[in-house]
Protein backbone atom coordinates (compact mmCIF):
# COMPACT_ATOMS: atom_id res chain seq x y z
CA UNK A 1 0.00 0.00 0.00
CA UNK A 2 1.22 3.49 -0.85
CA UNK A 3 2.54 5.36 2.23
CA UNK A 4 0.71 8.52 1.08
CA UNK A 5 -2.59 6.65 1.22
CA UNK A 6 -1.76 5.46 4.74
CA UNK A 7 -0.99 9.02 5.80
CA UNK A 8 -4.26 10.24 4.27
CA UNK A 9 -6.19 7.47 5.99
CA UNK A 10 -4.59 8.24 9.34
CA UNK A 11 -5.30 11.95 8.91
CA UNK A 12 -8.95 11.26 8.02
CA UNK A 13 -9.35 9.01 11.04
CA UNK A 14 -7.78 11.61 13.34
CA UNK A 15 -10.00 14.34 11.90
CA UNK A 16 -13.03 12.18 12.73
CA UNK A 17 -12.04 11.70 16.37
CA UNK A 18 -13.20 13.99 19.17
CA UNK A 19 -10.91 16.91 20.03
CA UNK A 20 -9.56 15.20 23.19
CA UNK A 21 -8.18 12.33 21.17
CA UNK A 22 -6.54 14.71 18.73
CA UNK A 23 -4.79 16.43 21.64
CA UNK A 24 -3.68 13.04 22.92
CA UNK A 25 -2.18 12.25 19.52
CA UNK A 26 -0.18 15.49 19.55
CA UNK A 27 1.12 14.66 23.04
CA UNK A 28 2.08 11.13 22.01
CA UNK A 29 3.88 12.41 18.90
CA UNK A 30 5.76 15.01 20.96
CA UNK A 31 6.78 12.47 23.62
CA UNK A 32 7.76 9.88 21.03
CA UNK A 33 9.88 12.47 19.24
CA UNK A 34 11.62 13.29 22.54
CA UNK A 35 12.24 9.61 23.27
CA UNK A 36 13.74 9.00 19.84
CA UNK A 37 15.95 12.08 20.15
CA UNK A 38 17.17 10.94 23.59
CA UNK A 39 17.90 7.42 22.32
CA UNK A 40 19.84 8.77 19.33
CA UNK A 41 21.87 11.13 21.51
CA UNK A 42 22.97 8.20 23.71
CA UNK A 43 24.18 6.26 20.67
CA UNK A 44 27.63 7.76 19.97
CA UNK A 45 26.69 8.58 16.36
CA UNK A 46 28.56 10.92 14.03
CA UNK A 47 27.21 13.38 11.54
CA UNK A 48 27.37 12.68 7.82
CA UNK A 49 29.92 15.49 7.48
CA UNK A 50 32.20 13.93 10.10
CA UNK A 51 31.85 10.54 8.40
CA UNK A 52 32.74 12.01 5.01
CA UNK A 53 35.80 13.80 6.45
CA UNK A 54 37.07 10.61 8.08
CA UNK A 55 36.42 8.63 4.90
CA UNK A 56 38.54 11.12 2.96
CA UNK A 57 41.33 10.91 5.54
CA UNK A 58 41.25 7.11 5.32
CA UNK A 59 41.33 7.18 1.51
CA UNK A 60 44.38 9.50 1.52
CA UNK A 61 46.09 7.33 4.14
CA UNK A 62 45.54 4.20 2.05
CA UNK A 63 46.88 5.95 -1.06
CA UNK A 64 49.99 7.04 0.84
CA UNK A 65 50.46 3.53 2.23
CA UNK A 66 50.24 2.10 -1.29
CA UNK A 67 52.90 4.56 -2.51
CA UNK A 68 55.19 3.76 0.42
CA UNK A 69 54.79 0.01 -0.12
CA UNK A 70 55.78 0.45 -3.78
CA UNK A 71 58.78 2.58 -2.80
CA UNK A 72 59.86 -0.02 -0.26
CA UNK A 73 59.50 -2.84 -2.78
CA UNK A 74 61.62 -0.86 -5.27
CA UNK A 75 64.33 -0.20 -2.64
CA UNK A 76 64.34 -3.86 -1.62
CA UNK A 77 64.71 -4.83 -5.28
CA UNK A 78 67.70 -2.49 -5.69
CA UNK A 79 69.56 -3.57 -2.57
CA UNK A 80 70.75 -7.16 -2.71
CA UNK A 81 69.73 -9.25 0.27
CA UNK A 82 72.69 -10.05 2.54
CA UNK A 83 72.43 -13.20 4.60
C-alpha atoms as a PDB file:
ATOM      1  CA  UNK A   1       0.000   0.000   0.000  1.00  0.00           C
ATOM      2  CA  UNK A   2       1.215   3.490  -0.852  1.00  0.00           C
ATOM      3  CA  UNK A   3       2.536   5.363   2.233  1.00  0.00           C
ATOM      4  CA  UNK A   4       0.713   8.518   1.076  1.00  0.00           C
ATOM      5  CA  UNK A   5      -2.585   6.646   1.224  1.00  0.00           C
ATOM      6  CA  UNK A   6      -1.764   5.459   4.735  1.00  0.00           C
ATOM      7  CA  UNK A   7      -0.994   9.025   5.798  1.00  0.00           C
ATOM      8  CA  UNK A   8      -4.264  10.242   4.266  1.00  0.00           C
ATOM      9  CA  UNK A   9      -6.189   7.465   5.989  1.00  0.00           C
ATOM     10  CA  UNK A  10      -4.593   8.238   9.344  1.00  0.00           C
ATOM     11  CA  UNK A  11      -5.298  11.949   8.908  1.00  0.00           C
ATOM     12  CA  UNK A  12      -8.948  11.264   8.025  1.00  0.00           C
ATOM     13  CA  UNK A  13      -9.345   9.011  11.042  1.00  0.00           C
ATOM     14  CA  UNK A  14      -7.784  11.606  13.336  1.00  0.00           C
ATOM     15  CA  UNK A  15     -10.004  14.337  11.899  1.00  0.00           C
ATOM     16  CA  UNK A  16     -13.034  12.184  12.730  1.00  0.00           C
ATOM     17  CA  UNK A  17     -12.037  11.704  16.371  1.00  0.00           C
ATOM     18  CA  UNK A  18     -13.197  13.995  19.171  1.00  0.00           C
ATOM     19  CA  UNK A  19     -10.908  16.909  20.031  1.00  0.00           C
ATOM     20  CA  UNK A  20      -9.559  15.204  23.187  1.00  0.00           C
ATOM     21  CA  UNK A  21      -8.179  12.328  21.173  1.00  0.00           C
ATOM     22  CA  UNK A  22      -6.540  14.710  18.729  1.00  0.00           C
ATOM     23  CA  UNK A  23      -4.793  16.431  21.644  1.00  0.00           C
ATOM     24  CA  UNK A  24      -3.684  13.043  22.925  1.00  0.00           C
ATOM     25  CA  UNK A  25      -2.180  12.254  19.517  1.00  0.00           C
ATOM     26  CA  UNK A  26      -0.180  15.487  19.554  1.00  0.00           C
ATOM     27  CA  UNK A  27       1.125  14.660  23.045  1.00  0.00           C
ATOM     28  CA  UNK A  28       2.078  11.131  22.009  1.00  0.00           C
ATOM     29  CA  UNK A  29       3.876  12.412  18.903  1.00  0.00           C
ATOM     30  CA  UNK A  30       5.764  15.012  20.964  1.00  0.00           C
ATOM     31  CA  UNK A  31       6.781  12.472  23.616  1.00  0.00           C
ATOM     32  CA  UNK A  32       7.756   9.881  21.031  1.00  0.00           C
ATOM     33  CA  UNK A  33       9.876  12.473  19.245  1.00  0.00           C
ATOM     34  CA  UNK A  34      11.621  13.295  22.540  1.00  0.00           C
ATOM     35  CA  UNK A  35      12.239   9.607  23.269  1.00  0.00           C
ATOM     36  CA  UNK A  36      13.738   9.002  19.840  1.00  0.00           C
ATOM     37  CA  UNK A  37      15.952  12.083  20.149  1.00  0.00           C
ATOM     38  CA  UNK A  38      17.168  10.937  23.585  1.00  0.00           C
ATOM     39  CA  UNK A  39      17.901   7.425  22.315  1.00  0.00           C
ATOM     40  CA  UNK A  40      19.843   8.770  19.333  1.00  0.00           C
ATOM     41  CA  UNK A  41      21.874  11.129  21.510  1.00  0.00           C
ATOM     42  CA  UNK A  42      22.973   8.196  23.710  1.00  0.00           C
ATOM     43  CA  UNK A  43      24.177   6.257  20.668  1.00  0.00           C
ATOM     44  CA  UNK A  44      27.632   7.761  19.966  1.00  0.00           C
ATOM     45  CA  UNK A  45      26.686   8.576  16.356  1.00  0.00           C
ATOM     46  CA  UNK A  46      28.565  10.915  14.029  1.00  0.00           C
ATOM     47  CA  UNK A  47      27.205  13.380  11.538  1.00  0.00           C
ATOM     48  CA  UNK A  48      27.372  12.678   7.824  1.00  0.00           C
ATOM     49  CA  UNK A  49      29.918  15.491   7.476  1.00  0.00           C
ATOM     50  CA  UNK A  50      32.196  13.928  10.100  1.00  0.00           C
ATOM     51  CA  UNK A  51      31.851  10.540   8.403  1.00  0.00           C
ATOM     52  CA  UNK A  52      32.740  12.013   5.009  1.00  0.00           C
ATOM     53  CA  UNK A  53      35.796  13.796   6.447  1.00  0.00           C
ATOM     54  CA  UNK A  54      37.071  10.612   8.083  1.00  0.00           C
ATOM     55  CA  UNK A  55      36.419   8.633   4.899  1.00  0.00           C
ATOM     56  CA  UNK A  56      38.541  11.119   2.960  1.00  0.00           C
ATOM     57  CA  UNK A  57      41.334  10.906   5.538  1.00  0.00           C
ATOM     58  CA  UNK A  58      41.251   7.107   5.325  1.00  0.00           C
ATOM     59  CA  UNK A  59      41.334   7.183   1.512  1.00  0.00           C
ATOM     60  CA  UNK A  60      44.377   9.501   1.518  1.00  0.00           C
ATOM     61  CA  UNK A  61      46.091   7.328   4.136  1.00  0.00           C
ATOM     62  CA  UNK A  62      45.537   4.201   2.046  1.00  0.00           C
ATOM     63  CA  UNK A  63      46.875   5.954  -1.059  1.00  0.00           C
ATOM     64  CA  UNK A  64      49.988   7.041   0.843  1.00  0.00           C
ATOM     65  CA  UNK A  65      50.461   3.531   2.235  1.00  0.00           C
ATOM     66  CA  UNK A  66      50.242   2.096  -1.286  1.00  0.00           C
ATOM     67  CA  UNK A  67      52.904   4.557  -2.510  1.00  0.00           C
ATOM     68  CA  UNK A  68      55.187   3.756   0.417  1.00  0.00           C
ATOM     69  CA  UNK A  69      54.792   0.008  -0.116  1.00  0.00           C
ATOM     70  CA  UNK A  70      55.775   0.452  -3.778  1.00  0.00           C
ATOM     71  CA  UNK A  71      58.784   2.575  -2.799  1.00  0.00           C
ATOM     72  CA  UNK A  72      59.862  -0.024  -0.255  1.00  0.00           C
ATOM     73  CA  UNK A  73      59.498  -2.841  -2.782  1.00  0.00           C
ATOM     74  CA  UNK A  74      61.623  -0.865  -5.271  1.00  0.00           C
ATOM     75  CA  UNK A  75      64.326  -0.201  -2.635  1.00  0.00           C
ATOM     76  CA  UNK A  76      64.339  -3.861  -1.617  1.00  0.00           C
ATOM     77  CA  UNK A  77      64.711  -4.832  -5.278  1.00  0.00           C
ATOM     78  CA  UNK A  78      67.700  -2.495  -5.689  1.00  0.00           C
ATOM     79  CA  UNK A  79      69.556  -3.572  -2.570  1.00  0.00           C
ATOM     80  CA  UNK A  80      70.754  -7.156  -2.708  1.00  0.00           C
ATOM     81  CA  UNK A  81      69.735  -9.254   0.273  1.00  0.00           C
ATOM     82  CA  UNK A  82      72.687 -10.046   2.542  1.00  0.00           C
ATOM     83  CA  UNK A  83      72.428 -13.195   4.602  1.00  0.00           C
END
